[in-house]
Amino acid sequence: MPLVPRTCAVRQALEAWGQQQPVLPLLVEKAGRTKDEACRRWPGQSVLRPAEVEYSDGRVTQEEVRFLVVHSSQLAQQQTQAYASAQEKEAKAITDHVQRVHARWFACEADAEAAIAEYAHQGPGQRGRRPRPWRYHAVRSRVVAATRRTRRARRGRPAKMDPPPLEAGYRLVVDVEALANPEDDNGWTVLATTVRAEVCGDADILQAYQDQNTTVEPGFRWIKNPAAIAPVWLEKPERIAALAMLTVIGLLVYSIIQRQVRLYLRTHDQRIPGNKGTTATPTAAVVLALFAQVALVRLSIGDQAIEQIYGVQPHHLLLCDALGLDASWYAVPSTQKNGRGS
């Protein structure tokens, strides 16, 4: 039951449909995570809509797909706060942009109009990137006639009654308006599934999706980190498909590590160090980061080779047991080997 991306037209249409409904049935309700937090509610309803379906043999047909439209009160609050924070950050960038625009001087109106077309509601690009449009503000520029003081044509002290020399020209005036964020637009989620309503109800579908804590889908948030997958140029479709397959396989292994560790810790009532204190539900990234402290040091003194493992803690051996790894790899005592092979 994948999450339909926001860029899909069907999701946008279904969100608009959900906003038009006076009341949606309550599917799931959970208590707040803190005493001060209100109950979290997920009202929603499933609908059937035609969509393009591609089969394994390459056939593309129009089929009726079941979409579950859900509104989350917690997600709506998060998106509202994120919008306000992003709008405040963009307002600071617009302030700098307006100062630069106001400082420009144009000798003719045509140059000023060309500058307006150049900006085209876009902010300056950063670090060599292309300018991008403002997302949280409406920025409009207009041309106004103006004058400014200029240098005198003749040298020497001017007479007391001489007016200061002025130059006629044009400037740009920028009007900025913060875009409102309608509350009805926040908090919507659309799920797609091939399971019929008579087989699994809307509440069961939503609960099953929320219980997917160790699947490949959340792992895509991790691979957005540039350190996870470095940019690579691929031209042939076969190589692009191969990279996609390797990425999915890597995410499967990533998810299995996370699932096995969490299951072992819950079964044996154990905890390991996490990002904020100890935890019984670590992510795979936390598990892998713990082993970064372990190091194998090799020293050569004359004919003797000495190996020593440093940084091994009890939680490392616990993770080895959870993943079925041979803990002796990290528990080898210091050894001395003769460089001549004896």
Foldseek 3Di string as FASTA:
>chain_A
DDWDDPPDPVQVVVLVVVLPDPDFAWQDWAQDPDPPDHIKTKGKDKDWDWDWDADPVGDTDTDIWIKIKIFIPVQLVVVVVVLVVVLVVVVVQVVVVQVVQQPDWFAEPVVVVVVQVVCVQWGCDPPPDHTDHDDFKDKHKDKDKDKDFDDDPDDDDDDPPDDTDIGITIGIHMDIGTDDDDSSSTGIIMDIDPDDCVVPNSSRVVVVVVPPPLALVVCVVVCVPCVNPPDDDDDDPVVVVVVVVVSSVVSVVQSVLQVLQLVLCVVVVHWDQDPPGTDSRHGSVRVVVLCVQWDWDWDDDPQKIKIAIPDDDPVNLVSCVSVVHDCCVRVPHIDIDGNVRD
